[in-house]
Protein backbone atom coordinates (compact mmCIF):
# COMPACT_ATOMS: atom_id res chain seq x y z
CA UNK A 1 108.43 120.32 102.84
CA UNK A 2 111.05 121.21 105.46
CA UNK A 3 108.40 122.80 107.69
CA UNK A 4 106.30 119.62 107.46
CA UNK A 5 109.26 117.48 108.50
CA UNK A 6 109.97 119.80 111.44
CA UNK A 7 106.34 119.47 112.56
CA UNK A 8 106.35 115.66 112.42
CA UNK A 9 107.78 115.16 115.94
CA UNK A 10 104.93 117.31 117.28
CA UNK A 11 102.28 115.54 115.19
CA UNK A 12 103.28 111.97 116.02
CA UNK A 13 102.22 112.14 119.72
CA UNK A 14 98.89 113.63 118.61
CA UNK A 15 98.40 110.80 116.13
CA UNK A 16 99.29 108.24 118.80
CA UNK A 17 96.85 109.87 121.22
CA UNK A 18 94.17 109.80 118.50
CA UNK A 19 94.75 106.08 118.00
CA UNK A 20 94.55 105.41 121.74
CA UNK A 21 91.24 107.27 122.01
CA UNK A 22 89.55 105.55 119.09
CA UNK A 23 91.32 102.22 119.70
CA UNK A 24 92.02 101.86 115.98
CA UNK A 25 94.15 98.95 114.90
CA UNK A 26 94.60 99.97 111.26
CA UNK A 27 98.35 100.06 110.71
CA UNK A 28 98.05 101.10 107.07
CA UNK A 29 97.80 104.77 108.05
CA UNK A 30 100.99 104.52 110.12
CA UNK A 31 102.77 102.77 107.24
CA UNK A 32 101.57 105.50 104.89
CA UNK A 33 102.90 108.21 107.22
CA UNK A 34 106.26 106.48 107.53
CA UNK A 35 106.53 106.13 103.73
CA UNK A 36 105.80 109.85 103.36
CA UNK A 37 108.50 110.65 105.91
CA UNK A 38 111.07 108.51 104.12
CA UNK A 39 110.17 110.11 100.77
CA UNK A 40 110.56 113.61 102.25
CA UNK A 41 113.92 112.67 103.75
CA UNK A 42 115.04 111.59 100.28
CA UNK A 43 114.59 115.09 98.86
């Protein structure tokens, strides 16, 4: 869990780059990621 949280700052730019390439406008995935982050911070 802690390793995953430490990797998040490195993964977020990759996810943003992925969205820019595919021009996706589905915000549900971003909301899902943010909810996972908040749940991990709660532990």
